[in-house]
Amino acid sequence: MPEAEPPTQAVPAVSAYEGAEPETVAPTEVFPLHPPEPGSASPSLDEVFDHAPTAGTTRGAGSGHGRPIIELVDVRKVYSAGSLSVEALRGVSLSIEEGEFVAVIGPSGSGKSTLMHILGCLDVPTSGSFHLSGQDVSHMSETELAHIRNQRIGFVFQGFHLLPSMAAWRNVELPLSYAAVSRAERRERAIAALRRVGLGERIEHRPGELSGGQQQRVAVARALVTDPDVVLADEPTGNLDTASTEEILGLFSDLHRAGRTVVLITHEPEVAAVASRVIRVRDGQVTEAPPRELSLV
């Protein structure tokens, strides 16, 4: 009997709310997603995992490779509920280069989650511009944003968001299921991604048979399987013990050294300190935070 395909479900738009921060991202806001346009090519396995750094200007050890992946210019985000308006982001300008490992840190209510929603193309700015790999995504429709999320951003969530009835490789292949990739290629790429994160011997295990750290590794593999422009990790160690936290942060460091662009959202200074660059969010504005100042964030 052929394997059943995952159910499809529309991606809801992010709506206004009463407050300055959006709610935690649900998995249905990211996948399933709309399939790509007919004829669009999928990256090969070599393109996915031989992601070597490109030549270019660097800004010191561990920094990017010169080509901007993320560019925000004077981004503002205003949420309105009746007569009440809250400015969650106040003129944010930010550039992240290809291959950088950047942590975004800030307390609750700082605008950190709003910034994450915009970086993840889950919401759009009220004003200002946001370019992802040179493409202006500031005013895209929800369908266009869904395509960007599926193909160009790899999400890692605090709560893993794995389907408990599916084996690890089936969870990893999910983004490819909604990108019109053949079943054989989906399995091949999912297994390769699991091997990349050290779970080659756990491909048939279901989430309940894995530790918290292993489940998060499955989530990282799922983020990598589409060969995204950027890996966006939202509080990825929030549900992990100390040992598993160190493992996952080490994995992100390995991805960074392999040339991946990683953006890590956190409220923990010790987690942010692993990144090569730290952006502090406070009162809807951003500043660079030197490592020695992380304890003050």
C-alpha atoms as a PDB file:
ATOM      1  CA  MET A   1       0.000   0.000   0.000  1.00  0.00           C
ATOM      2  CA  PRO A   2       1.497   3.419  -0.931  1.00  0.00           C
ATOM      3  CA  GLU A   3       2.382   5.803   1.868  1.00  0.00           C
ATOM      4  CA  ALA A   4      -0.204   8.454   2.665  1.00  0.00           C
ATOM      5  CA  GLU A   5       0.766  12.014   1.896  1.00  0.00           C
ATOM      6  CA  PRO A   6       0.723  14.577   4.735  1.00  0.00           C
ATOM      7  CA  PRO A   7      -2.519  16.555   4.929  1.00  0.00           C
ATOM      8  CA  THR A   8      -2.550  20.003   3.424  1.00  0.00           C
ATOM      9  CA  GLN A   9      -3.624  23.113   5.277  1.00  0.00           C
ATOM     10  CA  ALA A  10      -3.600  26.771   4.380  1.00  0.00           C
ATOM     11  CA  VAL A  11      -1.126  29.070   6.091  1.00  0.00           C
ATOM     12  CA  PRO A  12      -2.949  31.693   8.149  1.00  0.00           C
ATOM     13  CA  ALA A  13      -1.894  35.291   7.906  1.00  0.00           C
ATOM     14  CA  VAL A  14      -0.448  36.990  10.977  1.00  0.00           C
ATOM     15  CA  SER A  15      -3.106  39.304  12.323  1.00  0.00           C
ATOM     16  CA  ALA A  16      -3.108  42.318  14.605  1.00  0.00           C
ATOM     17  CA  TYR A  17      -3.388  41.717  18.298  1.00  0.00           C
ATOM     18  CA  GLU A  18      -3.689  43.614  21.517  1.00  0.00           C
ATOM     19  CA  GLY A  19      -0.091  44.150  22.565  1.00  0.00           C
ATOM     20  CA  ALA A  20       3.361  44.875  21.302  1.00  0.00           C
ATOM     21  CA  GLU A  21       4.502  41.317  20.540  1.00  0.00           C
ATOM     22  CA  PRO A  22       3.021  38.574  18.357  1.00  0.00           C
ATOM     23  CA  GLU A  23       2.211  35.207  19.861  1.00  0.00           C
ATOM     24  CA  THR A  24       4.501  32.174  19.631  1.00  0.00           C
ATOM     25  CA  VAL A  25       4.716  30.825  16.096  1.00  0.00           C
ATOM     26  CA  ALA A  26       2.591  27.757  15.470  1.00  0.00           C
ATOM     27  CA  PRO A  27       3.866  25.112  13.030  1.00  0.00           C
ATOM     28  CA  THR A  28       0.841  25.615  10.764  1.00  0.00           C
ATOM     29  CA  GLU A  29       2.043  29.176  10.144  1.00  0.00           C
ATOM     30  CA  VAL A  30       5.178  27.789   8.494  1.00  0.00           C
ATOM     31  CA  PHE A  31       4.203  24.447   6.982  1.00  0.00           C
ATOM     32  CA  PRO A  32       2.328  23.098   5.213  1.00  0.00           C
ATOM     33  CA  LEU A  33       3.033  25.719   2.613  1.00  0.00           C
ATOM     34  CA  HIS A  34       2.031  26.537  -0.903  1.00  0.00           C
ATOM     35  CA  PRO A  35       3.995  24.630  -3.569  1.00  0.00           C
ATOM     36  CA  PRO A  36       6.473  26.514  -5.760  1.00  0.00           C
ATOM     37  CA  GLU A  37       5.686  27.682  -9.246  1.00  0.00           C
ATOM     38  CA  PRO A  38       5.805  24.964 -11.929  1.00  0.00           C
ATOM     39  CA  GLY A  39       9.265  24.412 -13.316  1.00  0.00           C
ATOM     40  CA  SER A  40      11.175  25.733 -10.313  1.00  0.00           C
ATOM     41  CA  ALA A  41      14.243  23.604  -9.607  1.00  0.00           C
ATOM     42  CA  SER A  42      15.051  21.914  -6.325  1.00  0.00           C
ATOM     43  CA  PRO A  43      18.645  22.072  -5.039  1.00  0.00           C
ATOM     44  CA  SER A  44      20.710  18.906  -5.333  1.00  0.00           C
ATOM     45  CA  LEU A  45      22.108  17.068  -2.339  1.00  0.00           C
ATOM     46  CA  ASP A  46      25.540  18.496  -3.101  1.00  0.00           C
ATOM     47  CA  GLU A  47      24.081  22.005  -3.038  1.00  0.00           C
ATOM     48  CA  VAL A  48      22.343  21.304   0.250  1.00  0.00           C
ATOM     49  CA  PHE A  49      25.271  19.903   2.199  1.00  0.00           C
ATOM     50  CA  ASP A  50      28.420  21.159   0.462  1.00  0.00           C
ATOM     51  CA  HIS A  51      27.561  24.727   1.403  1.00  0.00           C
ATOM     52  CA  ALA A  52      31.116  26.061   1.447  1.00  0.00           C
ATOM     53  CA  PRO A  53      31.774  29.767   2.147  1.00  0.00           C
ATOM     54  CA  THR A  54      32.061  31.980  -0.897  1.00  0.00           C
ATOM     55  CA  ALA A  55      34.862  34.412  -1.540  1.00  0.00           C
ATOM     56  CA  GLY A  56      34.374  37.964  -0.380  1.00  0.00           C
ATOM     57  CA  THR A  57      35.146  40.556   2.223  1.00  0.00           C
ATOM     58  CA  THR A  58      34.909  39.424   5.822  1.00  0.00           C
ATOM     59  CA  ARG A  59      34.623  41.398   9.013  1.00  0.00           C
ATOM     60  CA  GLY A  60      36.899  39.235  11.103  1.00  0.00           C
ATOM     61  CA  ALA A  61      36.995  35.612  12.211  1.00  0.00           C
ATOM     62  CA  GLY A  62      33.584  34.000  12.227  1.00  0.00           C
ATOM     63  CA  SER A  63      31.850  36.848  10.406  1.00  0.00           C
ATOM     64  CA  GLY A  64      30.046  36.817   7.068  1.00  0.00           C
ATOM     65  CA  HIS A  65      31.290  36.568   3.522  1.00  0.00           C
ATOM     66  CA  GLY A  66      30.389  40.015   2.193  1.00  0.00           C
ATOM     67  CA  ARG A  67      27.019  39.335   0.483  1.00  0.00           C
ATOM     68  CA  PRO A  68      24.058  40.597   2.508  1.00  0.00           C
ATOM     69  CA  ILE A  69      21.422  37.941   3.137  1.00  0.00           C
ATOM     70  CA  ILE A  70      19.206  40.133   5.322  1.00  0.00           C
ATOM     71  CA  GLU A  71      18.852  43.903   4.927  1.00  0.00           C
ATOM     72  CA  LEU A  72      16.357  45.940   6.917  1.00  0.00           C
ATOM     73  CA  VAL A  73      16.176  49.689   6.367  1.00  0.00           C
ATOM     74  CA  ASP A  74      14.136  51.907   8.711  1.00  0.00           C
ATOM     75  CA  VAL A  75      11.636  49.117   9.429  1.00  0.00           C
ATOM     76  CA  ARG A  76       8.665  50.059  11.566  1.00  0.00           C
ATOM     77  CA  LYS A  77       5.851  47.832  12.730  1.00  0.00           C
ATOM     78  CA  VAL A  78       2.661  49.243  14.215  1.00  0.00           C
ATOM     79  CA  TYR A  79      -0.103  47.051  15.617  1.00  0.00           C
ATOM     80  CA  SER A  80      -3.547  48.549  15.974  1.00  0.00           C
ATOM     81  CA  ALA A  81      -6.568  47.395  17.925  1.00  0.00           C
ATOM     82  CA  GLY A  82      -9.441  49.851  17.734  1.00  0.00           C
ATOM     83  CA  SER A  83      -8.158  53.271  18.732  1.00  0.00           C
ATOM     84  CA  LEU A  84      -4.994  51.808  20.319  1.00  0.00           C
ATOM     85  CA  SER A  85      -1.769  51.689  18.294  1.00  0.00           C
ATOM     86  CA  VAL A  86       1.493  50.163  19.509  1.00  0.00           C
ATOM     87  CA  GLU A  87       4.771  50.725  17.683  1.00  0.00           C
ATOM     88  CA  ALA A  88       6.614  47.422  18.195  1.00  0.00           C
ATOM     89  CA  LEU A  89       9.576  48.281  15.946  1.00  0.00           C
ATOM     90  CA  ARG A  90      10.823  51.848  15.672  1.00  0.00           C
ATOM     91  CA  GLY A  91      13.017  52.435  12.646  1.00  0.00           C
ATOM     92  CA  VAL A  92      15.119  49.251  12.692  1.00  0.00           C
ATOM     93  CA  SER A  93      18.031  49.089  10.242  1.00  0.00           C
ATOM     94  CA  LEU A  94      20.020  45.868  10.203  1.00  0.00           C
ATOM     95  CA  SER A  95      22.300  43.947   7.832  1.00  0.00           C
ATOM     96  CA  ILE A  96      23.325  40.297   8.164  1.00  0.00           C
ATOM     97  CA  GLU A  97      25.849  38.852   5.756  1.00  0.00           C
ATOM     98  CA  GLU A  98      25.992  35.390   4.221  1.00  0.00           C
ATOM     99  CA  GLY A  99      27.631  32.960   6.620  1.00  0.00           C
ATOM    100  CA  GLU A 100      27.177  35.016   9.780  1.00  0.00           C
ATOM    101  CA  PHE A 101      26.038  33.514  13.078  1.00  0.00           C
ATOM    102  CA  VAL A 102      23.955  36.237  14.707  1.00  0.00           C
ATOM    103  CA  ALA A 103      22.070  36.151  17.982  1.00  0.00           C
ATOM    104  CA  VAL A 104      19.137  38.506  18.582  1.00  0.00           C
ATOM    105  CA  ILE A 105      18.550  39.057  22.289  1.00  0.00           C
ATOM    106  CA  GLY A 106      16.089  41.107  24.283  1.00  0.00           C
ATOM    107  CA  PRO A 107      13.616  40.920  27.160  1.00  0.00           C
ATOM    108  CA  SER A 108       9.900  40.254  26.833  1.00  0.00           C
ATOM    109  CA  GLY A 109       8.110  43.182  25.199  1.00  0.00           C
ATOM    110  CA  SER A 110      11.279  44.539  23.598  1.00  0.00           C
ATOM    111  CA  GLY A 111      10.164  43.920  20.001  1.00  0.00           C
ATOM    112  CA  LYS A 112      12.305  40.780  19.641  1.00  0.00           C
ATOM    113  CA  SER A 113       9.413  38.516  18.626  1.00  0.00           C
ATOM    114  CA  THR A 114       8.085  41.100  16.185  1.00  0.00           C
ATOM    115  CA  LEU A 115      11.523  41.290  14.571  1.00  0.00           C
ATOM    116  CA  MET A 116      11.643  37.494  14.368  1.00  0.00           C
ATOM    117  CA  HIS A 117       8.239  37.421  12.644  1.00  0.00           C
ATOM    118  CA  ILE A 118       9.449  39.884  10.028  1.00  0.00           C
ATOM    119  CA  LEU A 119      12.792  38.108   9.491  1.00  0.00           C
ATOM    120  CA  GLY A 120      10.857  34.867   9.071  1.00  0.00           C
ATOM    121  CA  CYS A 121       8.429  36.407   6.561  1.00  0.00           C
ATOM    122  CA  LEU A 122       5.545  35.637   8.911  1.00  0.00           C
ATOM    123  CA  ASP A 123       4.638  39.328   8.880  1.00  0.00           C
ATOM    124  CA  VAL A 124       5.543  42.407   6.864  1.00  0.00           C
ATOM    125  CA  PRO A 125       6.705  45.846   7.999  1.00  0.00           C
ATOM    126  CA  THR A 126       4.267  48.728   8.309  1.00  0.00           C
ATOM    127  CA  SER A 127       6.932  50.859   6.633  1.00  0.00           C
ATOM    128  CA  GLY A 128      10.563  50.541   5.629  1.00  0.00           C
ATOM    129  CA  SER A 129      12.141  47.817   3.497  1.00  0.00           C
ATOM    130  CA  PHE A 130      13.273  44.223   4.024  1.00  0.00           C
ATOM    131  CA  HIS A 131      15.426  42.480   1.412  1.00  0.00           C
ATOM    132  CA  LEU A 132      16.136  38.755   1.665  1.00  0.00           C
ATOM    133  CA  SER A 133      19.049  37.699  -0.556  1.00  0.00           C
ATOM    134  CA  GLY A 134      18.536  40.880  -2.580  1.00  0.00           C
ATOM    135  CA  GLN A 135      14.779  40.416  -3.070  1.00  0.00           C
ATOM    136  CA  ASP A 136      12.364  42.914  -1.580  1.00  0.00           C
ATOM    137  CA  VAL A 137       9.867  40.932   0.509  1.00  0.00           C
ATOM    138  CA  SER A 138       8.379  43.952   2.300  1.00  0.00           C
ATOM    139  CA  HIS A 139       5.111  44.048   0.394  1.00  0.00           C
ATOM    140  CA  MET A 140       4.607  40.474  -0.750  1.00  0.00           C
ATOM    141  CA  SER A 141       1.247  38.711  -0.626  1.00  0.00           C
ATOM    142  CA  GLU A 142       0.658  35.863   1.825  1.00  0.00           C
ATOM    143  CA  THR A 143       1.023  33.336  -1.017  1.00  0.00           C
ATOM    144  CA  GLU A 144       4.361  34.827  -2.020  1.00  0.00           C
ATOM    145  CA  LEU A 145       5.549  34.899   1.594  1.00  0.00           C
ATOM    146  CA  ALA A 146       4.546  31.242   2.020  1.00  0.00           C
ATOM    147  CA  HIS A 147       6.775  30.335  -0.920  1.00  0.00           C
ATOM    148  CA  ILE A 148       9.668  32.301   0.601  1.00  0.00           C
ATOM    149  CA  ARG A 149       9.194  30.573   3.968  1.00  0.00           C
ATOM    150  CA  ASN A 150       9.160  27.144   2.375  1.00  0.00           C
ATOM    151  CA  GLN A 151      12.133  27.570   0.079  1.00  0.00           C
ATOM    152  CA  ARG A 152      14.454  30.120   1.658  1.00  0.00           C
ATOM    153  CA  ILE A 153      14.059  30.057   5.447  1.00  0.00           C
ATOM    154  CA  GLY A 154      14.739  27.068   7.685  1.00  0.00           C
ATOM    155  CA  PHE A 155      12.797  27.341  10.947  1.00  0.00           C
ATOM    156  CA  VAL A 156      13.790  25.776  14.265  1.00  0.00           C
ATOM    157  CA  PHE A 157      11.242  26.172  17.069  1.00  0.00           C
ATOM    158  CA  GLN A 158      11.488  25.978  20.835  1.00  0.00           C
ATOM    159  CA  GLY A 159       8.829  23.264  20.957  1.00  0.00           C
ATOM    160  CA  PHE A 160      10.278  21.076  18.134  1.00  0.00           C
ATOM    161  CA  HIS A 161       6.835  20.788  16.427  1.00  0.00           C
ATOM    162  CA  LEU A 162       7.386  17.226  15.254  1.00  0.00           C
ATOM    163  CA  LEU A 163       4.485  14.977  14.294  1.00  0.00           C
ATOM    164  CA  PRO A 164       4.457  12.185  16.902  1.00  0.00           C
ATOM    165  CA  SER A 165       3.114   9.470  14.586  1.00  0.00           C
ATOM    166  CA  MET A 166       5.836   9.942  11.969  1.00  0.00           C
ATOM    167  CA  ALA A 167       9.390   8.616  11.885  1.00  0.00           C
ATOM    168  CA  ALA A 168      12.231  11.122  12.046  1.00  0.00           C
ATOM    169  CA  TRP A 169      12.862  11.074   8.303  1.00  0.00           C
ATOM    170  CA  ARG A 170       9.169  11.632   7.571  1.00  0.00           C
ATOM    171  CA  ASN A 171       9.186  14.715   9.806  1.00  0.00           C
ATOM    172  CA  VAL A 172      12.276  16.036   8.044  1.00  0.00           C
ATOM    173  CA  GLU A 173      10.811  15.578   4.572  1.00  0.00           C
ATOM    174  CA  LEU A 174       7.665  17.599   5.337  1.00  0.00           C
ATOM    175  CA  PRO A 175       8.830  20.929   3.815  1.00  0.00           C
ATOM    176  CA  LEU A 176       9.726  19.043   0.625  1.00  0.00           C
ATOM    177  CA  SER A 177       6.266  17.484   0.503  1.00  0.00           C
ATOM    178  CA  TYR A 178       4.827  20.937  -0.063  1.00  0.00           C
ATOM    179  CA  ALA A 179       7.507  21.878  -2.585  1.00  0.00           C
ATOM    180  CA  ALA A 180       6.572  19.306  -5.261  1.00  0.00           C
ATOM    181  CA  VAL A 181       9.689  17.174  -4.685  1.00  0.00           C
ATOM    182  CA  SER A 182       9.398  13.505  -5.658  1.00  0.00           C
ATOM    183  CA  ARG A 183       8.937  10.937  -2.894  1.00  0.00           C
ATOM    184  CA  ALA A 184      12.250   9.193  -3.618  1.00  0.00           C
ATOM    185  CA  GLU A 185      14.207  12.447  -3.523  1.00  0.00           C
ATOM    186  CA  ARG A 186      12.417  13.571  -0.355  1.00  0.00           C
ATOM    187  CA  ARG A 187      13.497  10.421   1.483  1.00  0.00           C
ATOM    188  CA  GLU A 188      17.072  10.650   0.198  1.00  0.00           C
ATOM    189  CA  ARG A 189      17.449  14.280   1.233  1.00  0.00           C
ATOM    190  CA  ALA A 190      15.757  13.745   4.601  1.00  0.00           C
ATOM    191  CA  ILE A 191      18.106  10.892   5.480  1.00  0.00           C
ATOM    192  CA  ALA A 192      21.123  12.933   4.359  1.00  0.00           C
ATOM    193  CA  ALA A 193      19.962  15.811   6.571  1.00  0.00           C
ATOM    194  CA  LEU A 194      19.572  13.516   9.577  1.00  0.00           C
ATOM    195  CA  ARG A 195      23.063  12.154   9.014  1.00  0.00           C
ATOM    196  CA  ARG A 196      24.350  15.713   8.862  1.00  0.00           C
ATOM    197  CA  VAL A 197      23.048  16.356  12.400  1.00  0.00           C
ATOM    198  CA  GLY A 198      24.314  13.062  13.775  1.00  0.00           C
ATOM    199  CA  LEU A 199      21.091  11.037  13.666  1.00  0.00           C
ATOM    200  CA  GLY A 200      21.863   8.630  10.847  1.00  0.00           C
ATOM    201  CA  GLU A 201      21.055   5.715  13.147  1.00  0.00           C
ATOM    202  CA  ARG A 202      17.712   7.189  14.258  1.00  0.00           C
ATOM    203  CA  ILE A 203      15.940   7.780  10.951  1.00  0.00           C
ATOM    204  CA  GLU A 204      13.060   5.402  11.745  1.00  0.00           C
ATOM    205  CA  HIS A 205      12.604   6.543  15.344  1.00  0.00           C
ATOM    206  CA  ARG A 206       9.478   8.486  16.225  1.00  0.00           C
ATOM    207  CA  PRO A 207       9.720  11.639  18.382  1.00  0.00           C
ATOM    208  CA  GLY A 208       8.593   9.786  21.521  1.00  0.00           C
ATOM    209  CA  GLU A 209      11.566   7.459  21.140  1.00  0.00           C
ATOM    210  CA  LEU A 210      14.071  10.324  21.077  1.00  0.00           C
ATOM    211  CA  SER A 211      15.493  12.580  23.787  1.00  0.00           C
ATOM    212  CA  GLY A 212      14.753  16.303  23.768  1.00  0.00           C
ATOM    213  CA  GLY A 213      18.136  17.069  22.257  1.00  0.00           C
ATOM    214  CA  GLN A 214      17.625  14.450  19.552  1.00  0.00           C
ATOM    215  CA  GLN A 215      14.179  15.821  18.744  1.00  0.00           C
ATOM    216  CA  GLN A 216      15.686  19.274  18.294  1.00  0.00           C
ATOM    217  CA  ARG A 217      18.319  17.769  15.995  1.00  0.00           C
ATOM    218  CA  VAL A 218      15.483  16.366  13.891  1.00  0.00           C
ATOM    219  CA  ALA A 219      14.009  19.884  13.793  1.00  0.00           C
ATOM    220  CA  VAL A 220      17.374  21.283  12.667  1.00  0.00           C
ATOM    221  CA  ALA A 221      17.571  18.649   9.923  1.00  0.00           C
ATOM    222  CA  ARG A 222      14.082  19.667   8.795  1.00  0.00           C
ATOM    223  CA  ALA A 223      15.258  23.285   8.632  1.00  0.00           C
ATOM    224  CA  LEU A 224      18.241  22.314   6.471  1.00  0.00           C
ATOM    225  CA  VAL A 225      16.538  19.973   4.037  1.00  0.00           C
ATOM    226  CA  THR A 226      15.355  22.736   1.660  1.00  0.00           C
ATOM    227  CA  ASP A 227      18.826  24.367   1.514  1.00  0.00           C
ATOM    228  CA  PRO A 228      17.516  27.690   2.876  1.00  0.00           C
ATOM    229  CA  ASP A 229      19.238  31.057   2.636  1.00  0.00           C
ATOM    230  CA  VAL A 230      19.046  31.413   6.417  1.00  0.00           C
ATOM    231  CA  VAL A 231      18.362  29.180   9.416  1.00  0.00           C
ATOM    232  CA  LEU A 232      16.105  31.049  11.847  1.00  0.00           C
ATOM    233  CA  ALA A 233      16.062  29.505  15.321  1.00  0.00           C
ATOM    234  CA  ASP A 234      13.485  30.847  17.805  1.00  0.00           C
ATOM    235  CA  GLU A 235      14.507  30.031  21.407  1.00  0.00           C
ATOM    236  CA  PRO A 236      15.791  26.619  20.213  1.00  0.00           C
ATOM    237  CA  THR A 237      17.203  25.626  23.619  1.00  0.00           C
ATOM    238  CA  GLY A 238      14.260  26.776  25.727  1.00  0.00           C
ATOM    239  CA  ASN A 239      12.959  23.233  26.340  1.00  0.00           C
ATOM    240  CA  LEU A 240      16.357  21.537  26.725  1.00  0.00           C
ATOM    241  CA  ASP A 241      18.531  20.584  29.673  1.00  0.00           C
ATOM    242  CA  THR A 242      22.090  21.884  29.984  1.00  0.00           C
ATOM    243  CA  ALA A 243      23.752  18.995  28.167  1.00  0.00           C
ATOM    244  CA  SER A 244      21.294  19.071  25.263  1.00  0.00           C
ATOM    245  CA  THR A 245      21.596  22.869  25.068  1.00  0.00           C
ATOM    246  CA  GLU A 246      25.351  22.565  24.617  1.00  0.00           C
ATOM    247  CA  GLU A 247      24.859  19.937  21.905  1.00  0.00           C
ATOM    248  CA  ILE A 248      22.407  22.073  19.919  1.00  0.00           C
ATOM    249  CA  LEU A 249      24.510  25.228  20.229  1.00  0.00           C
ATOM    250  CA  GLY A 250      27.513  23.203  19.092  1.00  0.00           C
ATOM    251  CA  LEU A 251      25.515  22.051  16.075  1.00  0.00           C
ATOM    252  CA  PHE A 252      24.643  25.647  15.163  1.00  0.00           C
ATOM    253  CA  SER A 253      28.328  26.540  15.470  1.00  0.00           C
ATOM    254  CA  ASP A 254      29.216  23.659  13.151  1.00  0.00           C
ATOM    255  CA  LEU A 255      26.650  24.875  10.606  1.00  0.00           C
ATOM    256  CA  HIS A 256      28.116  28.367  10.832  1.00  0.00           C
ATOM    257  CA  ARG A 257      31.646  27.077  10.228  1.00  0.00           C
ATOM    258  CA  ALA A 258      30.312  25.199   7.184  1.00  0.00           C
ATOM    259  CA  GLY A 259      29.124  28.519   5.724  1.00  0.00           C
ATOM    260  CA  ARG A 260      25.497  28.573   6.838  1.00  0.00           C
ATOM    261  CA  THR A 261      23.777  31.798   7.851  1.00  0.00           C
ATOM    262  CA  VAL A 262      22.252  31.303  11.299  1.00  0.00           C
ATOM    263  CA  VAL A 263      20.040  33.768  13.190  1.00  0.00           C
ATOM    264  CA  LEU A 264      19.274  32.709  16.761  1.00  0.00           C
ATOM    265  CA  ILE A 265      16.529  34.436  18.769  1.00  0.00           C
ATOM    266  CA  THR A 266      16.979  34.168  22.541  1.00  0.00           C
ATOM    267  CA  HIS A 267      16.543  35.933  25.865  1.00  0.00           C
ATOM    268  CA  GLU A 268      19.473  34.112  27.472  1.00  0.00           C
ATOM    269  CA  PRO A 269      22.875  35.891  27.438  1.00  0.00           C
ATOM    270  CA  GLU A 270      24.796  32.616  27.775  1.00  0.00           C
ATOM    271  CA  VAL A 271      23.081  31.275  24.655  1.00  0.00           C
ATOM    272  CA  ALA A 272      23.643  34.490  22.695  1.00  0.00           C
ATOM    273  CA  ALA A 273      27.334  34.430  23.618  1.00  0.00           C
ATOM    274  CA  VAL A 274      27.867  31.424  21.325  1.00  0.00           C
ATOM    275  CA  ALA A 275      27.171  33.571  18.249  1.00  0.00           C
ATOM    276  CA  SER A 276      29.880  35.591  16.516  1.00  0.00           C
ATOM    277  CA  ARG A 277      27.701  38.706  16.612  1.00  0.00           C
ATOM    278  CA  VAL A 278      24.938  39.802  18.987  1.00  0.00           C
ATOM    279  CA  ILE A 279      22.090  42.218  18.248  1.00  0.00           C
ATOM    280  CA  ARG A 280      20.248  43.648  21.250  1.00  0.00           C
ATOM    281  CA  VAL A 281      16.574  44.640  20.930  1.00  0.00           C
ATOM    282  CA  ARG A 282      15.116  47.095  23.413  1.00  0.00           C
ATOM    283  CA  ASP A 283      12.093  49.383  23.138  1.00  0.00           C
ATOM    284  CA  GLY A 284      11.660  48.468  19.473  1.00  0.00           C
ATOM    285  CA  GLN A 285      15.181  49.484  18.471  1.00  0.00           C
ATOM    286  CA  VAL A 286      18.374  47.509  17.845  1.00  0.00           C
ATOM    287  CA  THR A 287      22.004  47.997  18.843  1.00  0.00           C
ATOM    288  CA  GLU A 288      25.130  45.872  18.673  1.00  0.00           C
ATOM    289  CA  ALA A 289      25.913  44.162  21.986  1.00  0.00           C
ATOM    290  CA  PRO A 290      29.608  43.373  22.578  1.00  0.00           C
ATOM    291  CA  PRO A 291      30.072  40.073  24.463  1.00  0.00           C
ATOM    292  CA  ARG A 292      31.250  41.831  27.617  1.00  0.00           C
ATOM    293  CA  GLU A 293      27.908  43.641  27.799  1.00  0.00           C
ATOM    294  CA  LEU A 294      25.674  40.567  27.461  1.00  0.00           C
ATOM    295  CA  SER A 295      25.177  40.327  31.179  1.00  0.00           C
ATOM    296  CA  LEU A 296      23.521  43.726  31.021  1.00  0.00           C
ATOM    297  CA  VAL A 297      20.965  42.751  28.353  1.00  0.00           C
END
